[in-house]
PDB file of N, CA and C in Angstrom:
ATOM      1  N   MET A   1       0.856  -1.174   0.000  1.00  0.00           N
ATOM      2  CA  MET A   1       0.000   0.000   0.000  1.00  0.00           C
ATOM      3  C   MET A   1       0.903   1.237   0.000  1.00  0.00           C
ATOM      4  N   PRO A   2       0.733   2.137  -0.965  1.00  0.00           N
ATOM      5  CA  PRO A   2       1.525   3.365  -0.971  1.00  0.00           C
ATOM      6  C   PRO A   2       1.235   4.216   0.271  1.00  0.00           C
ATOM      7  N   THR A   3       2.287   4.804   0.792  1.00  0.00           N
ATOM      8  CA  THR A   3       2.163   5.661   1.959  1.00  0.00           C
ATOM      9  C   THR A   3       2.837   6.993   1.657  1.00  0.00           C
ATOM     10  N   PHE A   4       2.195   8.061   2.085  1.00  0.00           N
ATOM     11  CA  PHE A   4       2.724   9.400   1.891  1.00  0.00           C
ATOM     12  C   PHE A   4       2.854  10.092   3.238  1.00  0.00           C
ATOM     13  N   LYS A   5       3.713  11.103   3.278  1.00  0.00           N
ATOM     14  CA  LYS A   5       3.779  11.983   4.441  1.00  0.00           C
ATOM     15  C   LYS A   5       3.328  13.357   3.960  1.00  0.00           C
ATOM     16  N   LEU A   6       2.308  13.888   4.621  1.00  0.00           N
ATOM     17  CA  LEU A   6       1.819  15.230   4.354  1.00  0.00           C
ATOM     18  C   LEU A   6       2.384  16.147   5.431  1.00  0.00           C
ATOM     19  N   VAL A   7       3.101  17.174   5.004  1.00  0.00           N
ATOM     20  CA  VAL A   7       3.682  18.155   5.913  1.00  0.00           C
ATOM     21  C   VAL A   7       3.027  19.490   5.604  1.00  0.00           C
ATOM     22  N   PHE A   8       2.535  20.169   6.634  1.00  0.00           N
ATOM     23  CA  PHE A   8       1.969  21.498   6.415  1.00  0.00           C
ATOM     24  C   PHE A   8       2.321  22.405   7.586  1.00  0.00           C
ATOM     25  N   PHE A   9       2.120  23.684   7.372  1.00  0.00           N
ATOM     26  CA  PHE A   9       2.447  24.690   8.355  1.00  0.00           C
ATOM     27  C   PHE A   9       1.164  25.447   8.701  1.00  0.00           C
ATOM     28  N   SER A  10       0.938  25.673   9.989  1.00  0.00           N
ATOM     29  CA  SER A  10      -0.294  26.360  10.391  1.00  0.00           C
ATOM     30  C   SER A  10      -0.024  27.244  11.595  1.00  0.00           C
ATOM     31  N   PRO A  11      -0.831  28.296  11.762  1.00  0.00           N
ATOM     32  CA  PRO A  11      -0.714  29.088  12.987  1.00  0.00           C
ATOM     33  C   PRO A  11      -0.962  28.175  14.191  1.00  0.00           C
ATOM     34  N   VAL A  12      -0.237  28.397  15.248  1.00  0.00           N
ATOM     35  CA  VAL A  12      -0.327  27.541  16.431  1.00  0.00           C
ATOM     36  C   VAL A  12      -1.772  27.367  16.891  1.00  0.00           C
ATOM     37  N   ALA A  13      -2.539  28.439  16.918  1.00  0.00           N
ATOM     38  CA  ALA A  13      -3.920  28.383  17.416  1.00  0.00           C
ATOM     39  C   ALA A  13      -4.836  27.527  16.538  1.00  0.00           C
ATOM     40  N   SER A  14      -4.455  27.253  15.289  1.00  0.00           N
ATOM     41  CA  SER A  14      -5.313  26.501  14.363  1.00  0.00           C
ATOM     42  C   SER A  14      -4.934  25.033  14.220  1.00  0.00           C
ATOM     43  N   THR A  15      -3.782  24.645  14.698  1.00  0.00           N
ATOM     44  CA  THR A  15      -3.245  23.313  14.413  1.00  0.00           C
ATOM     45  C   THR A  15      -4.166  22.188  14.857  1.00  0.00           C
ATOM     46  N   GLN A  16      -4.629  22.212  16.089  1.00  0.00           N
ATOM     47  CA  GLN A  16      -5.440  21.088  16.583  1.00  0.00           C
ATOM     48  C   GLN A  16      -6.785  20.999  15.865  1.00  0.00           C
ATOM     49  N   GLN A  17      -7.372  22.120  15.527  1.00  0.00           N
ATOM     50  CA  GLN A  17      -8.634  22.102  14.766  1.00  0.00           C
ATOM     51  C   GLN A  17      -8.406  21.459  13.388  1.00  0.00           C
ATOM     52  N   ILE A  18      -7.326  21.814  12.734  1.00  0.00           N
ATOM     53  CA  ILE A  18      -7.011  21.240  11.425  1.00  0.00           C
ATOM     54  C   ILE A  18      -6.787  19.734  11.553  1.00  0.00           C
ATOM     55  N   LEU A  19      -6.006  19.333  12.546  1.00  0.00           N
ATOM     56  CA  LEU A  19      -5.744  17.898  12.729  1.00  0.00           C
ATOM     57  C   LEU A  19      -7.021  17.118  13.032  1.00  0.00           C
ATOM     58  N   ARG A  20      -7.865  17.639  13.903  1.00  0.00           N
ATOM     59  CA  ARG A  20      -9.133  16.948  14.200  1.00  0.00           C
ATOM     60  C   ARG A  20      -9.942  16.744  12.926  1.00  0.00           C
ATOM     61  N   HIS A  21      -9.995  17.776  12.090  1.00  0.00           N
ATOM     62  CA  HIS A  21     -10.745  17.674  10.835  1.00  0.00           C
ATOM     63  C   HIS A  21     -10.128  16.617   9.912  1.00  0.00           C
ATOM     64  N   LEU A  22      -8.806  16.634   9.751  1.00  0.00           N
ATOM     65  CA  LEU A  22      -8.152  15.655   8.879  1.00  0.00           C
ATOM     66  C   LEU A  22      -8.358  14.229   9.383  1.00  0.00           C
ATOM     67  N   PHE A  23      -8.197  14.023  10.693  1.00  0.00           N
ATOM     68  CA  PHE A  23      -8.375  12.685  11.255  1.00  0.00           C
ATOM     69  C   PHE A  23      -9.820  12.215  11.095  1.00  0.00           C
ATOM     70  N   ALA A  24     -10.785  13.092  11.305  1.00  0.00           N
ATOM     71  CA  ALA A  24     -12.200  12.716  11.179  1.00  0.00           C
ATOM     72  C   ALA A  24     -12.588  12.453   9.731  1.00  0.00           C
ATOM     73  N   SER A  25     -11.951  13.148   8.788  1.00  0.00           N
ATOM     74  CA  SER A  25     -12.320  13.002   7.375  1.00  0.00           C
ATOM     75  C   SER A  25     -11.894  11.653   6.800  1.00  0.00           C
ATOM     76  N   ALA A  26     -10.850  11.044   7.362  1.00  0.00           N
ATOM     77  CA  ALA A  26     -10.370   9.748   6.851  1.00  0.00           C
ATOM     78  C   ALA A  26      -9.607   9.018   7.954  1.00  0.00           C
ATOM     79  N   PRO A  27     -10.310   8.530   8.979  1.00  0.00           N
ATOM     80  CA  PRO A  27      -9.635   7.941  10.139  1.00  0.00           C
ATOM     81  C   PRO A  27      -8.791   6.708   9.833  1.00  0.00           C
ATOM     82  N   ASP A  28      -9.103   5.996   8.757  1.00  0.00           N
ATOM     83  CA  ASP A  28      -8.311   4.816   8.410  1.00  0.00           C
ATOM     84  C   ASP A  28      -7.164   5.142   7.464  1.00  0.00           C
ATOM     85  N   ASN A  29      -7.064   6.394   7.041  1.00  0.00           N
ATOM     86  CA  ASN A  29      -6.019   6.759   6.089  1.00  0.00           C
ATOM     87  C   ASN A  29      -5.098   7.874   6.576  1.00  0.00           C
ATOM     88  N   VAL A  30      -5.618   8.849   7.298  1.00  0.00           N
ATOM     89  CA  VAL A  30      -4.801   9.984   7.731  1.00  0.00           C
ATOM     90  C   VAL A  30      -4.412   9.802   9.201  1.00  0.00           C
ATOM     91  N   GLY A  31      -3.109   9.755   9.457  1.00  0.00           N
ATOM     92  CA  GLY A  31      -2.625   9.660  10.829  1.00  0.00           C
ATOM     93  C   GLY A  31      -2.731   8.279  11.443  1.00  0.00           C
ATOM     94  N   LYS A  32      -2.922   7.254  10.633  1.00  0.00           N
ATOM     95  CA  LYS A  32      -3.016   5.890  11.173  1.00  0.00           C
ATOM     96  C   LYS A  32      -1.700   5.164  10.932  1.00  0.00           C
ATOM     97  N   ILE A  33      -1.098   4.708  12.028  1.00  0.00           N
ATOM     98  CA  ILE A  33       0.144   3.940  11.958  1.00  0.00           C
ATOM     99  C   ILE A  33      -0.074   2.663  12.751  1.00  0.00           C
ATOM    100  N   GLY A  34      -0.163   1.543  12.049  1.00  0.00           N
ATOM    101  CA  GLY A  34      -0.412   0.265  12.714  1.00  0.00           C
ATOM    102  C   GLY A  34      -1.716   0.306  13.485  1.00  0.00           C
ATOM    103  N   LEU A  35      -1.656   0.036  14.775  1.00  0.00           N
ATOM    104  CA  LEU A  35      -2.836   0.020  15.633  1.00  0.00           C
ATOM    105  C   LEU A  35      -3.062   1.346  16.351  1.00  0.00           C
ATOM    106  N   TYR A  36      -2.508   2.425  15.810  1.00  0.00           N
ATOM    107  CA  TYR A  36      -2.653   3.756  16.408  1.00  0.00           C
ATOM    108  C   TYR A  36      -3.300   4.702  15.407  1.00  0.00           C
ATOM    109  N   ARG A  37      -4.191   5.544  15.912  1.00  0.00           N
ATOM    110  CA  ARG A  37      -4.849   6.568  15.095  1.00  0.00           C
ATOM    111  C   ARG A  37      -4.484   7.952  15.618  1.00  0.00           C
ATOM    112  N   ALA A  38      -4.773   8.966  14.803  1.00  0.00           N
ATOM    113  CA  ALA A  38      -4.551  10.375  15.154  1.00  0.00           C
ATOM    114  C   ALA A  38      -3.092  10.649  15.490  1.00  0.00           C
ATOM    115  N   CYS A  39      -2.179  10.026  14.749  1.00  0.00           N
ATOM    116  CA  CYS A  39      -0.751  10.228  14.954  1.00  0.00           C
ATOM    117  C   CYS A  39      -0.271  11.431  14.139  1.00  0.00           C
ATOM    118  N   ALA A  40       0.540  12.257  14.760  1.00  0.00           N
ATOM    119  CA  ALA A  40       1.119  13.414  14.068  1.00  0.00           C
ATOM    120  C   ALA A  40       2.364  13.854  14.822  1.00  0.00           C
ATOM    121  N   PHE A  41       3.243  14.524  14.098  1.00  0.00           N
ATOM    122  CA  PHE A  41       4.368  15.217  14.722  1.00  0.00           C
ATOM    123  C   PHE A  41       4.104  16.702  14.566  1.00  0.00           C
ATOM    124  N   VAL A  42       4.252  17.445  15.657  1.00  0.00           N
ATOM    125  CA  VAL A  42       4.014  18.888  15.631  1.00  0.00           C
ATOM    126  C   VAL A  42       5.225  19.575  16.259  1.00  0.00           C
ATOM    127  N   GLY A  43       5.853  20.460  15.483  1.00  0.00           N
ATOM    128  CA  GLY A  43       7.000  21.230  15.976  1.00  0.00           C
ATOM    129  C   GLY A  43       6.768  22.709  15.724  1.00  0.00           C
ATOM    130  N   ARG A  44       7.289  23.545  16.591  1.00  0.00           N
ATOM    131  CA  ARG A  44       7.033  24.984  16.521  1.00  0.00           C
ATOM    132  C   ARG A  44       8.192  25.731  15.867  1.00  0.00           C
ATOM    133  N   GLY A  45       7.837  26.812  15.174  1.00  0.00           N
ATOM    134  CA  GLY A  45       8.832  27.681  14.550  1.00  0.00           C
ATOM    135  C   GLY A  45       8.180  28.992  14.147  1.00  0.00           C
ATOM    136  N   THR A  46       8.915  29.806  13.426  1.00  0.00           N
ATOM    137  CA  THR A  46       8.400  31.090  12.968  1.00  0.00           C
ATOM    138  C   THR A  46       8.312  31.089  11.450  1.00  0.00           C
ATOM    139  N   GLY A  47       7.112  31.341  10.945  1.00  0.00           N
ATOM    140  CA  GLY A  47       6.907  31.469   9.509  1.00  0.00           C
ATOM    141  C   GLY A  47       6.942  32.941   9.129  1.00  0.00           C
ATOM    142  N   GLN A  48       7.308  33.200   7.885  1.00  0.00           N
ATOM    143  CA  GLN A  48       7.295  34.585   7.420  1.00  0.00           C
ATOM    144  C   GLN A  48       6.768  34.640   6.001  1.00  0.00           C
ATOM    145  N   PHE A  49       6.165  35.782   5.661  1.00  0.00           N
ATOM    146  CA  PHE A  49       5.647  35.983   4.315  1.00  0.00           C
ATOM    147  C   PHE A  49       5.425  37.460   4.070  1.00  0.00           C
ATOM    148  N   LEU A  50       5.319  37.809   2.799  1.00  0.00           N
ATOM    149  CA  LEU A  50       5.062  39.181   2.375  1.00  0.00           C
ATOM    150  C   LEU A  50       3.884  39.142   1.406  1.00  0.00           C
ATOM    151  N   PRO A  51       2.673  39.523   1.844  1.00  0.00           N
ATOM    152  CA  PRO A  51       1.512  39.510   0.960  1.00  0.00           C
ATOM    153  C   PRO A  51       1.682  40.518  -0.189  1.00  0.00           C
ATOM    154  N   LEU A  52       1.448  40.058  -1.397  1.00  0.00           N
ATOM    155  CA  LEU A  52       1.554  40.917  -2.574  1.00  0.00           C
ATOM    156  C   LEU A  52       0.213  41.542  -2.916  1.00  0.00           C
ATOM    157  N   GLU A  53       0.240  42.533  -3.770  1.00  0.00           N
ATOM    158  CA  GLU A  53      -0.981  43.207  -4.221  1.00  0.00           C
ATOM    159  C   GLU A  53      -1.965  42.180  -4.754  1.00  0.00           C
ATOM    160  N   GLY A  54      -3.214  42.253  -4.332  1.00  0.00           N
ATOM    161  CA  GLY A  54      -4.249  41.311  -4.745  1.00  0.00           C
ATOM    162  C   GLY A  54      -4.459  40.175  -3.751  1.00  0.00           C
ATOM    163  N   ALA A  55      -3.515  39.992  -2.815  1.00  0.00           N
ATOM    164  CA  ALA A  55      -3.661  38.950  -1.797  1.00  0.00           C
ATOM    165  C   ALA A  55      -4.708  39.378  -0.774  1.00  0.00           C
ATOM    166  N   ASN A  56      -5.299  38.386  -0.120  1.00  0.00           N
ATOM    167  CA  ASN A  56      -6.277  38.622   0.934  1.00  0.00           C
ATOM    168  C   ASN A  56      -5.811  37.859   2.178  1.00  0.00           C
ATOM    169  N   PRO A  57      -4.750  38.345   2.833  1.00  0.00           N
ATOM    170  CA  PRO A  57      -4.161  37.573   3.932  1.00  0.00           C
ATOM    171  C   PRO A  57      -5.056  37.506   5.167  1.00  0.00           C
ATOM    172  N   ASN A  58      -5.078  36.328   5.771  1.00  0.00           N
ATOM    173  CA  ASN A  58      -5.795  36.125   7.025  1.00  0.00           C
ATOM    174  C   ASN A  58      -5.096  36.865   8.161  1.00  0.00           C
ATOM    175  N   ILE A  59      -3.768  36.913   8.068  1.00  0.00           N
ATOM    176  CA  ILE A  59      -2.928  37.586   9.056  1.00  0.00           C
ATOM    177  C   ILE A  59      -2.033  38.559   8.290  1.00  0.00           C
ATOM    178  N   GLY A  60      -1.877  39.773   8.789  1.00  0.00           N
ATOM    179  CA  GLY A  60      -0.963  40.723   8.166  1.00  0.00           C
ATOM    180  C   GLY A  60      -1.640  41.616   7.143  1.00  0.00           C
ATOM    181  N   GLU A  61      -0.809  42.434   6.465  1.00  0.00           N
ATOM    182  CA  GLU A  61      -1.296  43.398   5.488  1.00  0.00           C
ATOM    183  C   GLU A  61      -0.487  43.297   4.200  1.00  0.00           C
ATOM    184  N   VAL A  62      -1.135  43.608   3.083  1.00  0.00           N
ATOM    185  CA  VAL A  62      -0.462  43.622   1.789  1.00  0.00           C
ATOM    186  C   VAL A  62       0.712  44.601   1.854  1.00  0.00           C
ATOM    187  N   GLY A  63       1.865  44.141   1.351  1.00  0.00           N
ATOM    188  CA  GLY A  63       3.046  45.001   1.275  1.00  0.00           C
ATOM    189  C   GLY A  63       3.879  45.073   2.534  1.00  0.00           C
ATOM    190  N   LYS A  64       3.475  44.397   3.610  1.00  0.00           N
ATOM    191  CA  LYS A  64       4.234  44.432   4.861  1.00  0.00           C
ATOM    192  C   LYS A  64       4.662  43.016   5.251  1.00  0.00           C
ATOM    193  N   PRO A  65       5.950  42.827   5.542  1.00  0.00           N
ATOM    194  CA  PRO A  65       6.397  41.503   5.987  1.00  0.00           C
ATOM    195  C   PRO A  65       5.669  41.098   7.276  1.00  0.00           C
ATOM    196  N   GLU A  66       5.349  39.818   7.365  1.00  0.00           N
ATOM    197  CA  GLU A  66       4.638  39.295   8.544  1.00  0.00           C
ATOM    198  C   GLU A  66       5.404  38.082   9.082  1.00  0.00           C
ATOM    199  N   PHE A  67       5.475  37.985  10.396  1.00  0.00           N
ATOM    200  CA  PHE A  67       6.128  36.866  11.067  1.00  0.00           C
ATOM    201  C   PHE A  67       5.109  36.245  12.005  1.00  0.00           C
ATOM    202  N   VAL A  68       4.931  34.914  11.908  1.00  0.00           N
ATOM    203  CA  VAL A  68       3.867  34.233  12.642  1.00  0.00           C
ATOM    204  C   VAL A  68       4.429  32.998  13.342  1.00  0.00           C
ATOM    205  N   GLU A  69       4.052  32.828  14.601  1.00  0.00           N
ATOM    206  CA  GLU A  69       4.380  31.596  15.325  1.00  0.00           C
ATOM    207  C   GLU A  69       3.541  30.476  14.715  1.00  0.00           C
ATOM    208  N   GLU A  70       4.217  29.496  14.130  1.00  0.00           N
ATOM    209  CA  GLU A  70       3.518  28.417  13.417  1.00  0.00           C
ATOM    210  C   GLU A  70       3.992  27.053  13.893  1.00  0.00           C
ATOM    211  N   ASN A  71       3.186  26.056  13.554  1.00  0.00           N
ATOM    212  CA  ASN A  71       3.576  24.665  13.752  1.00  0.00           C
ATOM    213  C   ASN A  71       3.880  24.031  12.408  1.00  0.00           C
ATOM    214  N   ARG A  72       4.899  23.189  12.405  1.00  0.00           N
ATOM    215  CA  ARG A  72       5.159  22.291  11.274  1.00  0.00           C
ATOM    216  C   ARG A  72       4.492  20.981  11.686  1.00  0.00           C
ATOM    217  N   VAL A  73       3.572  20.508  10.869  1.00  0.00           N
ATOM    218  CA  VAL A  73       2.790  19.317  11.198  1.00  0.00           C
ATOM    219  C   VAL A  73       3.081  18.237  10.163  1.00  0.00           C
ATOM    220  N   GLU A  74       3.334  17.023  10.632  1.00  0.00           N
ATOM    221  CA  GLU A  74       3.589  15.893   9.741  1.00  0.00           C
ATOM    222  C   GLU A  74       2.605  14.781  10.070  1.00  0.00           C
ATOM    223  N   VAL A  75       1.918  14.276   9.047  1.00  0.00           N
ATOM    224  CA  VAL A  75       1.000  13.153   9.220  1.00  0.00           C
ATOM    225  C   VAL A  75       1.211  12.149   8.086  1.00  0.00           C
ATOM    226  N   ILE A  76       1.000  10.886   8.421  1.00  0.00           N
ATOM    227  CA  ILE A  76       1.066   9.804   7.438  1.00  0.00           C
ATOM    228  C   ILE A  76      -0.291   9.697   6.762  1.00  0.00           C
ATOM    229  N   VAL A  77      -0.272   9.455   5.448  1.00  0.00           N
ATOM    230  CA  VAL A  77      -1.503   9.207   4.695  1.00  0.00           C
ATOM    231  C   VAL A  77      -1.328   7.882   3.969  1.00  0.00           C
ATOM    232  N   ASN A  78      -2.122   6.889   4.373  1.00  0.00           N
ATOM    233  CA  ASN A  78      -2.118   5.579   3.715  1.00  0.00           C
ATOM    234  C   ASN A  78      -3.057   5.648   2.524  1.00  0.00           C
ATOM    235  N   ASP A  79      -2.604   5.153   1.386  1.00  0.00           N
ATOM    236  CA  ASP A  79      -3.349   5.351   0.141  1.00  0.00           C
ATOM    237  C   ASP A  79      -3.461   4.033  -0.619  1.00  0.00           C
ATOM    238  N   GLN A  80      -4.602   3.353  -0.464  1.00  0.00           N
ATOM    239  CA  GLN A  80      -4.813   2.092  -1.167  1.00  0.00           C
ATOM    240  C   GLN A  80      -5.033   2.310  -2.662  1.00  0.00           C
ATOM    241  N   GLU A  81      -5.420   3.516  -3.016  1.00  0.00           N
ATOM    242  CA  GLU A  81      -5.714   3.836  -4.407  1.00  0.00           C
ATOM    243  C   GLU A  81      -4.587   4.705  -4.959  1.00  0.00           C
ATOM    244  N   ASP A  82      -4.609   4.968  -6.226  1.00  0.00           N
ATOM    245  CA  ASP A  82      -3.555   5.727  -6.879  1.00  0.00           C
ATOM    246  C   ASP A  82      -3.638   7.211  -6.531  1.00  0.00           C
ATOM    247  N   LYS A  83      -3.062   7.580  -5.410  1.00  0.00           N
ATOM    248  CA  LYS A  83      -2.982   8.963  -4.934  1.00  0.00           C
ATOM    249  C   LYS A  83      -4.333   9.603  -4.619  1.00  0.00           C
ATOM    250  N   VAL A  84      -5.382   8.816  -4.501  1.00  0.00           N
ATOM    251  CA  VAL A  84      -6.708   9.362  -4.207  1.00  0.00           C
ATOM    252  C   VAL A  84      -6.760   9.913  -2.786  1.00  0.00           C
ATOM    253  N   GLN A  85      -6.258   9.162  -1.810  1.00  0.00           N
ATOM    254  CA  GLN A  85      -6.342   9.580  -0.409  1.00  0.00           C
ATOM    255  C   GLN A  85      -5.470  10.797  -0.111  1.00  0.00           C
ATOM    256  N   ILE A  86      -4.281  10.866  -0.701  1.00  0.00           N
ATOM    257  CA  ILE A  86      -3.425  12.033  -0.449  1.00  0.00           C
ATOM    258  C   ILE A  86      -4.052  13.271  -1.074  1.00  0.00           C
ATOM    259  N   ARG A  87      -4.674  13.125  -2.236  1.00  0.00           N
ATOM    260  CA  ARG A  87      -5.359  14.271  -2.855  1.00  0.00           C
ATOM    261  C   ARG A  87      -6.545  14.723  -2.002  1.00  0.00           C
ATOM    262  N   ARG A  88      -7.287  13.762  -1.456  1.00  0.00           N
ATOM    263  CA  ARG A  88      -8.415  14.110  -0.572  1.00  0.00           C
ATOM    264  C   ARG A  88      -7.930  14.806   0.686  1.00  0.00           C
ATOM    265  N   ALA A  89      -6.825  14.323   1.241  1.00  0.00           N
ATOM    266  CA  ALA A  89      -6.280  14.943   2.455  1.00  0.00           C
ATOM    267  C   ALA A  89      -5.885  16.399   2.185  1.00  0.00           C
ATOM    268  N   ILE A  90      -5.297  16.667   1.029  1.00  0.00           N
ATOM    269  CA  ILE A  90      -4.917  18.033   0.671  1.00  0.00           C
ATOM    270  C   ILE A  90      -6.168  18.892   0.486  1.00  0.00           C
ATOM    271  N   GLU A  91      -7.194  18.350  -0.159  1.00  0.00           N
ATOM    272  CA  GLU A  91      -8.460  19.093  -0.318  1.00  0.00           C
ATOM    273  C   GLU A  91      -9.052  19.447   1.041  1.00  0.00           C
ATOM    274  N   GLU A  92      -9.059  18.485   1.967  1.00  0.00           N
ATOM    275  CA  GLU A  92      -9.597  18.728   3.309  1.00  0.00           C
ATOM    276  C   GLU A  92      -8.750  19.754   4.058  1.00  0.00           C
ATOM    277  N   LEU A  93      -7.443  19.677   3.902  1.00  0.00           N
ATOM    278  CA  LEU A  93      -6.559  20.658   4.533  1.00  0.00           C
ATOM    279  C   LEU A  93      -6.910  22.065   4.056  1.00  0.00           C
ATOM    280  N   LYS A  94      -7.089  22.230   2.759  1.00  0.00           N
ATOM    281  CA  LYS A  94      -7.402  23.547   2.199  1.00  0.00           C
ATOM    282  C   LYS A  94      -8.766  24.063   2.658  1.00  0.00           C
ATOM    283  N   LYS A  95      -9.711  23.161   2.933  1.00  0.00           N
ATOM    284  CA  LYS A  95     -11.039  23.569   3.396  1.00  0.00           C
ATOM    285  C   LYS A  95     -10.997  24.234   4.768  1.00  0.00           C
ATOM    286  N   VAL A  96     -10.131  23.747   5.658  1.00  0.00           N
ATOM    287  CA  VAL A  96     -10.150  24.216   7.044  1.00  0.00           C
ATOM    288  C   VAL A  96      -8.969  25.091   7.436  1.00  0.00           C
ATOM    289  N   HIS A  97      -7.967  25.152   6.595  1.00  0.00           N
ATOM    290  CA  HIS A  97      -6.784  25.955   6.925  1.00  0.00           C
ATOM    291  C   HIS A  97      -7.132  27.437   6.835  1.00  0.00           C
ATOM    292  N   PRO A  98      -6.698  28.249   7.801  1.00  0.00           N
ATOM    293  CA  PRO A  98      -7.079  29.665   7.785  1.00  0.00           C
ATOM    294  C   PRO A  98      -6.359  30.503   6.722  1.00  0.00           C
ATOM    295  N   TYR A  99      -5.249  30.021   6.193  1.00  0.00           N
ATOM    296  CA  TYR A  99      -4.499  30.809   5.216  1.00  0.00           C
ATOM    297  C   TYR A  99      -5.121  30.706   3.829  1.00  0.00           C
ATOM    298  N   GLU A 100      -5.025  31.787   3.082  1.00  0.00           N
ATOM    299  CA  GLU A 100      -5.490  31.827   1.698  1.00  0.00           C
ATOM    300  C   GLU A 100      -4.718  30.810   0.846  1.00  0.00           C
ATOM    301  N   GLU A 101      -3.415  30.678   1.092  1.00  0.00           N
ATOM    302  CA  GLU A 101      -2.547  29.742   0.373  1.00  0.00           C
ATOM    303  C   GLU A 101      -1.764  28.924   1.397  1.00  0.00           C
ATOM    304  N   PRO A 102      -2.318  27.820   1.900  1.00  0.00           N
ATOM    305  CA  PRO A 102      -1.561  27.043   2.885  1.00  0.00           C
ATOM    306  C   PRO A 102      -0.322  26.400   2.254  1.00  0.00           C
ATOM    307  N   ALA A 103       0.775  26.440   2.988  1.00  0.00           N
ATOM    308  CA  ALA A 103       2.010  25.801   2.539  1.00  0.00           C
ATOM    309  C   ALA A 103       1.981  24.339   2.962  1.00  0.00           C
ATOM    310  N   TYR A 104       2.243  23.448   2.011  1.00  0.00           N
ATOM    311  CA  TYR A 104       2.311  22.021   2.337  1.00  0.00           C
ATOM    312  C   TYR A 104       3.306  21.325   1.418  1.00  0.00           C
ATOM    313  N   GLU A 105       3.734  20.153   1.855  1.00  0.00           N
ATOM    314  CA  GLU A 105       4.653  19.311   1.093  1.00  0.00           C
ATOM    315  C   GLU A 105       4.135  17.887   1.165  1.00  0.00           C
ATOM    316  N   VAL A 106       4.403  17.097   0.123  1.00  0.00           N
ATOM    317  CA  VAL A 106       4.015  15.690   0.102  1.00  0.00           C
ATOM    318  C   VAL A 106       5.245  14.861  -0.250  1.00  0.00           C
ATOM    319  N   TYR A 107       5.482  13.812   0.545  1.00  0.00           N
ATOM    320  CA  TYR A 107       6.587  12.894   0.287  1.00  0.00           C
ATOM    321  C   TYR A 107       6.036  11.489   0.132  1.00  0.00           C
ATOM    322  N   LYS A 108       6.470  10.770  -0.877  1.00  0.00           N
ATOM    323  CA  LYS A 108       6.100   9.359  -1.008  1.00  0.00           C
ATOM    324  C   LYS A 108       7.132   8.560  -0.209  1.00  0.00           C
ATOM    325  N   LEU A 109       6.640   7.708   0.676  1.00  0.00           N
ATOM    326  CA  LEU A 109       7.517   6.914   1.536  1.00  0.00           C
ATOM    327  C   LEU A 109       7.732   5.534   0.934  1.00  0.00           C
ATOM    328  N   GLU A 110       8.923   5.038   1.099  1.00  0.00           N
ATOM    329  CA  GLU A 110       9.277   3.699   0.608  1.00  0.00           C
ATOM    330  C   GLU A 110       9.216   2.699   1.750  1.00  0.00           C
ATOM    331  N   ASP A 111       8.758   1.495   1.476  1.00  0.00           N
ATOM    332  CA  ASP A 111       8.722   0.421   2.457  1.00  0.00           C
ATOM    333  C   ASP A 111      10.008  -0.391   2.292  1.00  0.00           C
ATOM    334  N   LEU A 112      10.905  -0.272   3.258  1.00  0.00           N
ATOM    335  CA  LEU A 112      12.209  -0.962   3.168  1.00  0.00           C
ATOM    336  C   LEU A 112      12.307  -2.106   4.139  1.00  0.00           C
TER     337      LEU A 112
END
């Protein structure tokens, strides 16, 4: 079964709400490792961005650099189908993430 790691960044205050939504949307696929559910790694750091003209930032103002206390979140996505579950997880992330353009990364994991 193909397995992916979804990594995203979120404001600290939003992280648990996002994770609850992702886990509820696909409990057998997102955050499930063996006999454990709702698994995630969460680490804190500072994100930065500069909203450009035409942006509608949730935090900050157009033309001004913004620095935000954020979490880096990593979750496993098990995908029995050809990238269907990872695509659904990204769609669900975008539905609940407070940012206009959430930053995320996807890694395909190898079974060694």
